[in-house]
């Protein structure tokens, strides 16, 4: 071995879809420190557009949004050539939500 890493990781861009400003502030601070690009929105419609235009590989979505929910966003990613990974957040611990998200591919 020549001391070089076997893997090189490019910074990953992330999209946050949440109506909660505190979520945006927290993730902005975390990702700024790691030099990752953060796209931010509060609606499903904007999230779909940003994901398509920017090829965002990771989408973090609050359970419910003003114009839909995480299922709406997951459904919109199905036809994308490079389908992003979807992470669902919720302020309430919910075993049914957890099972639904995992069962549908989130």
N, C-alpha and C. Protein backbone atom coordinates (compact mmCIF):
# COMPACT_ATOMS: atom_id res chain seq x y z
N UNK A 1 0.84 -1.18 0.00
CA UNK A 1 0.00 0.00 0.00
C UNK A 1 0.88 1.24 0.00
N UNK A 2 0.45 2.26 -0.67
CA UNK A 2 1.23 3.47 -0.76
C UNK A 2 0.75 4.55 0.21
N UNK A 3 -0.11 4.20 1.16
CA UNK A 3 -0.59 5.17 2.13
C UNK A 3 -1.78 5.98 1.67
N UNK A 4 -2.21 5.76 0.45
CA UNK A 4 -3.38 6.48 -0.05
C UNK A 4 -4.64 5.70 0.28
N UNK A 5 -5.70 6.41 0.45
CA UNK A 5 -6.99 5.79 0.74
C UNK A 5 -7.47 5.01 -0.47
N UNK A 6 -8.09 3.86 -0.22
CA UNK A 6 -8.64 3.08 -1.30
C UNK A 6 -9.91 3.72 -1.86
N UNK A 7 -10.60 4.46 -1.02
CA UNK A 7 -11.83 5.14 -1.45
C UNK A 7 -11.63 6.64 -1.38
N UNK A 8 -12.12 7.31 -2.39
CA UNK A 8 -12.15 8.76 -2.31
C UNK A 8 -13.61 9.17 -2.33
N UNK A 9 -13.99 9.98 -1.41
CA UNK A 9 -15.38 10.39 -1.25
C UNK A 9 -15.55 11.82 -1.70
N UNK A 10 -16.41 12.01 -2.65
CA UNK A 10 -16.76 13.37 -3.07
C UNK A 10 -17.83 13.89 -2.11
N UNK A 11 -17.82 15.18 -1.85
CA UNK A 11 -18.88 15.72 -1.00
C UNK A 11 -20.25 15.43 -1.59
N UNK A 12 -21.16 15.01 -0.76
CA UNK A 12 -22.50 14.65 -1.19
C UNK A 12 -23.43 15.84 -0.94
N UNK A 13 -24.23 16.16 -1.94
CA UNK A 13 -25.22 17.21 -1.73
C UNK A 13 -26.47 16.58 -1.13
N UNK A 14 -27.18 17.39 -0.36
CA UNK A 14 -28.36 16.92 0.38
C UNK A 14 -29.48 17.93 0.16
N UNK A 15 -30.70 17.43 0.05
CA UNK A 15 -31.86 18.29 -0.03
C UNK A 15 -32.69 18.07 1.23
N UNK A 16 -33.06 19.15 1.89
CA UNK A 16 -33.94 19.08 3.04
C UNK A 16 -35.29 19.66 2.66
N UNK A 17 -36.35 18.86 2.81
CA UNK A 17 -37.72 19.32 2.58
C UNK A 17 -38.43 19.29 3.92
N UNK A 18 -38.58 20.47 4.51
CA UNK A 18 -39.21 20.56 5.82
C UNK A 18 -39.82 21.95 5.99
N UNK A 19 -41.00 22.01 6.60
CA UNK A 19 -41.58 23.32 6.89
C UNK A 19 -41.03 23.92 8.19
N UNK A 20 -40.17 23.20 8.87
CA UNK A 20 -39.67 23.61 10.18
C UNK A 20 -38.32 24.31 10.07
N UNK A 21 -38.29 25.59 10.37
CA UNK A 21 -37.05 26.38 10.25
C UNK A 21 -35.94 25.83 11.13
N UNK A 22 -36.27 25.31 12.30
CA UNK A 22 -35.22 24.77 13.18
C UNK A 22 -34.52 23.57 12.54
N UNK A 23 -35.24 22.78 11.73
CA UNK A 23 -34.60 21.68 11.00
C UNK A 23 -33.59 22.23 10.00
N UNK A 24 -33.99 23.28 9.29
CA UNK A 24 -33.10 23.89 8.30
C UNK A 24 -31.85 24.46 8.97
N UNK A 25 -32.04 25.16 10.06
CA UNK A 25 -30.90 25.78 10.76
C UNK A 25 -29.92 24.72 11.26
N UNK A 26 -30.45 23.66 11.85
CA UNK A 26 -29.59 22.61 12.40
C UNK A 26 -28.80 21.90 11.30
N UNK A 27 -29.49 21.50 10.24
CA UNK A 27 -28.80 20.78 9.17
C UNK A 27 -27.82 21.69 8.43
N UNK A 28 -28.19 22.95 8.27
CA UNK A 28 -27.30 23.92 7.63
C UNK A 28 -25.97 24.00 8.39
N UNK A 29 -26.06 24.07 9.71
CA UNK A 29 -24.85 24.14 10.53
C UNK A 29 -24.01 22.87 10.42
N UNK A 30 -24.65 21.72 10.46
CA UNK A 30 -23.93 20.45 10.37
C UNK A 30 -23.24 20.32 9.01
N UNK A 31 -23.97 20.59 7.94
CA UNK A 31 -23.40 20.38 6.61
C UNK A 31 -22.39 21.44 6.21
N UNK A 32 -22.51 22.63 6.75
CA UNK A 32 -21.52 23.67 6.47
C UNK A 32 -20.17 23.25 7.02
N UNK A 33 -20.16 22.66 8.17
CA UNK A 33 -18.91 22.19 8.78
C UNK A 33 -18.26 21.09 7.96
N UNK A 34 -19.07 20.30 7.27
CA UNK A 34 -18.52 19.21 6.47
C UNK A 34 -18.40 19.56 4.98
N UNK A 35 -18.67 20.83 4.66
CA UNK A 35 -18.55 21.35 3.29
C UNK A 35 -19.43 20.62 2.29
N UNK A 36 -20.58 20.23 2.71
CA UNK A 36 -21.54 19.61 1.82
C UNK A 36 -22.54 20.66 1.34
N UNK A 37 -23.04 20.48 0.14
CA UNK A 37 -24.01 21.40 -0.44
C UNK A 37 -25.40 21.04 0.09
N UNK A 38 -26.12 22.05 0.57
CA UNK A 38 -27.47 21.84 1.09
C UNK A 38 -28.46 22.63 0.25
N UNK A 39 -29.45 21.93 -0.28
CA UNK A 39 -30.59 22.55 -0.95
C UNK A 39 -31.73 22.51 0.05
N UNK A 40 -32.49 23.61 0.14
CA UNK A 40 -33.54 23.70 1.15
C UNK A 40 -34.87 24.09 0.53
N UNK A 41 -35.93 23.47 1.03
CA UNK A 41 -37.28 23.79 0.60
C UNK A 41 -38.26 23.38 1.69
N UNK A 42 -39.48 23.84 1.55
CA UNK A 42 -40.51 23.49 2.50
C UNK A 42 -41.69 22.78 1.87
N UNK A 43 -41.59 22.48 0.55
CA UNK A 43 -42.72 21.85 -0.13
C UNK A 43 -42.26 20.67 -1.00
N UNK A 44 -43.21 19.78 -1.28
CA UNK A 44 -42.94 18.65 -2.17
C UNK A 44 -42.63 19.12 -3.58
N UNK A 45 -43.41 20.07 -4.07
CA UNK A 45 -43.23 20.54 -5.44
C UNK A 45 -41.82 21.10 -5.64
N UNK A 46 -41.37 21.96 -4.75
CA UNK A 46 -40.02 22.51 -4.87
C UNK A 46 -38.96 21.42 -4.72
N UNK A 47 -39.20 20.47 -3.83
CA UNK A 47 -38.24 19.38 -3.62
C UNK A 47 -38.09 18.54 -4.88
N UNK A 48 -39.19 18.24 -5.55
CA UNK A 48 -39.12 17.47 -6.80
C UNK A 48 -38.28 18.20 -7.84
N UNK A 49 -38.53 19.49 -7.99
CA UNK A 49 -37.78 20.27 -8.97
C UNK A 49 -36.30 20.36 -8.64
N UNK A 50 -35.98 20.63 -7.41
CA UNK A 50 -34.57 20.72 -7.00
C UNK A 50 -33.85 19.40 -7.17
N UNK A 51 -34.52 18.31 -6.85
CA UNK A 51 -33.90 16.99 -6.98
C UNK A 51 -33.61 16.68 -8.43
N UNK A 52 -34.55 16.95 -9.30
CA UNK A 52 -34.36 16.69 -10.74
C UNK A 52 -33.26 17.56 -11.33
N UNK A 53 -33.32 18.86 -11.05
CA UNK A 53 -32.36 19.80 -11.65
C UNK A 53 -30.93 19.59 -11.14
N UNK A 54 -30.79 19.21 -9.90
CA UNK A 54 -29.45 19.17 -9.29
C UNK A 54 -28.91 17.78 -9.05
N UNK A 55 -29.66 16.75 -9.38
CA UNK A 55 -29.18 15.38 -9.18
C UNK A 55 -28.82 15.09 -7.74
N UNK A 56 -29.63 15.55 -6.82
CA UNK A 56 -29.34 15.39 -5.39
C UNK A 56 -29.47 13.91 -5.01
N UNK A 57 -28.41 13.31 -4.45
CA UNK A 57 -28.46 11.89 -4.14
C UNK A 57 -29.14 11.55 -2.80
N UNK A 58 -29.30 12.54 -1.93
CA UNK A 58 -29.90 12.30 -0.61
C UNK A 58 -30.97 13.36 -0.36
N UNK A 59 -32.18 12.90 -0.05
CA UNK A 59 -33.29 13.78 0.29
C UNK A 59 -33.74 13.45 1.72
N UNK A 60 -33.77 14.48 2.55
CA UNK A 60 -34.29 14.35 3.90
C UNK A 60 -35.62 15.07 3.92
N UNK A 61 -36.68 14.34 4.27
CA UNK A 61 -38.03 14.89 4.17
C UNK A 61 -38.76 14.76 5.50
N UNK A 62 -39.33 15.85 5.96
CA UNK A 62 -40.20 15.80 7.13
C UNK A 62 -41.42 14.96 6.77
N UNK A 63 -41.96 14.31 7.73
CA UNK A 63 -43.11 13.41 7.54
C UNK A 63 -44.24 14.05 6.73
N UNK A 64 -44.60 15.28 7.07
CA UNK A 64 -45.65 15.97 6.33
C UNK A 64 -45.16 17.34 5.88
N UNK A 65 -45.61 17.71 4.70
CA UNK A 65 -45.29 19.01 4.11
C UNK A 65 -46.61 19.68 3.74
N UNK A 66 -46.60 20.98 3.49
CA UNK A 66 -47.85 21.69 3.18
C UNK A 66 -48.60 21.13 1.96
N UNK A 67 -47.87 20.59 0.99
CA UNK A 67 -48.50 20.11 -0.24
C UNK A 67 -48.38 18.60 -0.44
N UNK A 68 -48.17 17.87 0.63
CA UNK A 68 -48.06 16.41 0.53
C UNK A 68 -47.31 15.85 1.71
N UNK A 69 -46.74 14.69 1.49
CA UNK A 69 -45.95 14.07 2.55
C UNK A 69 -44.78 13.32 1.93
N UNK A 70 -44.11 12.55 2.75
CA UNK A 70 -42.92 11.83 2.29
C UNK A 70 -43.27 10.84 1.17
N UNK A 71 -44.47 10.27 1.20
CA UNK A 71 -44.87 9.34 0.14
C UNK A 71 -44.97 10.06 -1.21
N UNK A 72 -45.46 11.29 -1.19
CA UNK A 72 -45.56 12.10 -2.41
C UNK A 72 -44.17 12.27 -3.02
N UNK A 73 -43.21 12.59 -2.18
CA UNK A 73 -41.85 12.80 -2.65
C UNK A 73 -41.20 11.49 -3.10
N UNK A 74 -41.43 10.43 -2.36
CA UNK A 74 -40.90 9.12 -2.75
C UNK A 74 -41.44 8.71 -4.11
N UNK A 75 -42.74 8.89 -4.31
CA UNK A 75 -43.35 8.56 -5.60
C UNK A 75 -42.78 9.35 -6.76
N UNK A 76 -42.43 10.59 -6.49
CA UNK A 76 -41.87 11.45 -7.54
C UNK A 76 -40.45 11.03 -7.93
N UNK A 77 -39.76 10.32 -7.06
CA UNK A 77 -38.38 9.91 -7.36
C UNK A 77 -38.30 8.61 -8.14
N UNK A 78 -39.41 7.87 -8.19
CA UNK A 78 -39.40 6.55 -8.84
C UNK A 78 -38.96 6.62 -10.29
N UNK A 79 -39.41 7.64 -11.02
CA UNK A 79 -39.07 7.72 -12.44
C UNK A 79 -37.71 8.37 -12.72
N UNK A 80 -37.02 8.80 -11.70
CA UNK A 80 -35.72 9.45 -11.91
C UNK A 80 -34.65 8.41 -12.24
N UNK A 81 -33.77 8.73 -13.20
CA UNK A 81 -32.71 7.78 -13.57
C UNK A 81 -31.76 7.48 -12.40
N UNK A 82 -31.43 8.49 -11.64
CA UNK A 82 -30.58 8.32 -10.46
C UNK A 82 -31.46 8.61 -9.24
N UNK A 83 -32.18 7.63 -8.79
CA UNK A 83 -33.13 7.80 -7.68
C UNK A 83 -32.39 8.14 -6.39
N UNK A 84 -32.76 9.25 -5.75
CA UNK A 84 -32.08 9.62 -4.50
C UNK A 84 -32.52 8.74 -3.34
N UNK A 85 -31.69 8.66 -2.34
CA UNK A 85 -32.03 7.99 -1.09
C UNK A 85 -32.93 8.93 -0.31
N UNK A 86 -34.01 8.41 0.27
CA UNK A 86 -34.95 9.24 1.00
C UNK A 86 -34.89 8.89 2.49
N UNK A 87 -34.66 9.92 3.30
CA UNK A 87 -34.67 9.78 4.74
C UNK A 87 -35.87 10.57 5.25
N UNK A 88 -36.70 9.94 6.06
CA UNK A 88 -37.90 10.59 6.58
C UNK A 88 -37.67 10.95 8.05
N UNK A 89 -38.03 12.19 8.39
CA UNK A 89 -37.90 12.65 9.77
C UNK A 89 -39.28 12.92 10.36
N UNK A 90 -39.36 12.79 11.68
CA UNK A 90 -40.61 13.06 12.38
C UNK A 90 -40.28 13.40 13.82
N UNK A 91 -41.01 14.33 14.37
CA UNK A 91 -40.82 14.71 15.77
C UNK A 91 -41.41 13.67 16.71
N UNK A 92 -42.26 12.79 16.18
CA UNK A 92 -42.93 11.79 16.99
C UNK A 92 -42.39 10.40 16.64
N UNK A 93 -41.97 9.66 17.64
CA UNK A 93 -41.54 8.28 17.41
C UNK A 93 -42.76 7.45 17.04
N UNK A 94 -42.73 6.83 15.88
CA UNK A 94 -43.89 6.12 15.38
C UNK A 94 -43.44 4.84 14.67
N UNK A 95 -43.75 3.71 15.28
CA UNK A 95 -43.32 2.43 14.71
C UNK A 95 -43.99 2.14 13.37
N UNK A 96 -45.21 2.62 13.19
CA UNK A 96 -45.91 2.41 11.91
C UNK A 96 -45.24 3.21 10.80
N UNK A 97 -44.85 4.45 11.11
CA UNK A 97 -44.13 5.26 10.13
C UNK A 97 -42.83 4.59 9.75
N UNK A 98 -42.09 4.14 10.73
CA UNK A 98 -40.80 3.47 10.50
C UNK A 98 -41.00 2.28 9.57
N UNK A 99 -42.00 1.46 9.85
CA UNK A 99 -42.26 0.27 9.04
C UNK A 99 -42.69 0.67 7.62
N UNK A 100 -43.53 1.69 7.49
CA UNK A 100 -43.97 2.16 6.16
C UNK A 100 -42.79 2.65 5.33
N UNK A 101 -41.95 3.48 5.94
CA UNK A 101 -40.80 4.04 5.22
C UNK A 101 -39.88 2.92 4.73
N UNK A 102 -39.54 1.99 5.62
CA UNK A 102 -38.66 0.90 5.22
C UNK A 102 -39.32 0.00 4.17
N UNK A 103 -40.60 -0.25 4.35
CA UNK A 103 -41.32 -1.12 3.42
C UNK A 103 -41.43 -0.55 2.01
N UNK A 104 -41.47 0.77 1.91
CA UNK A 104 -41.61 1.42 0.61
C UNK A 104 -40.28 1.88 0.01
N UNK A 105 -39.19 1.62 0.70
CA UNK A 105 -37.88 1.90 0.11
C UNK A 105 -37.19 3.16 0.60
N UNK A 106 -37.68 3.76 1.66
CA UNK A 106 -37.03 4.94 2.23
C UNK A 106 -35.93 4.53 3.17
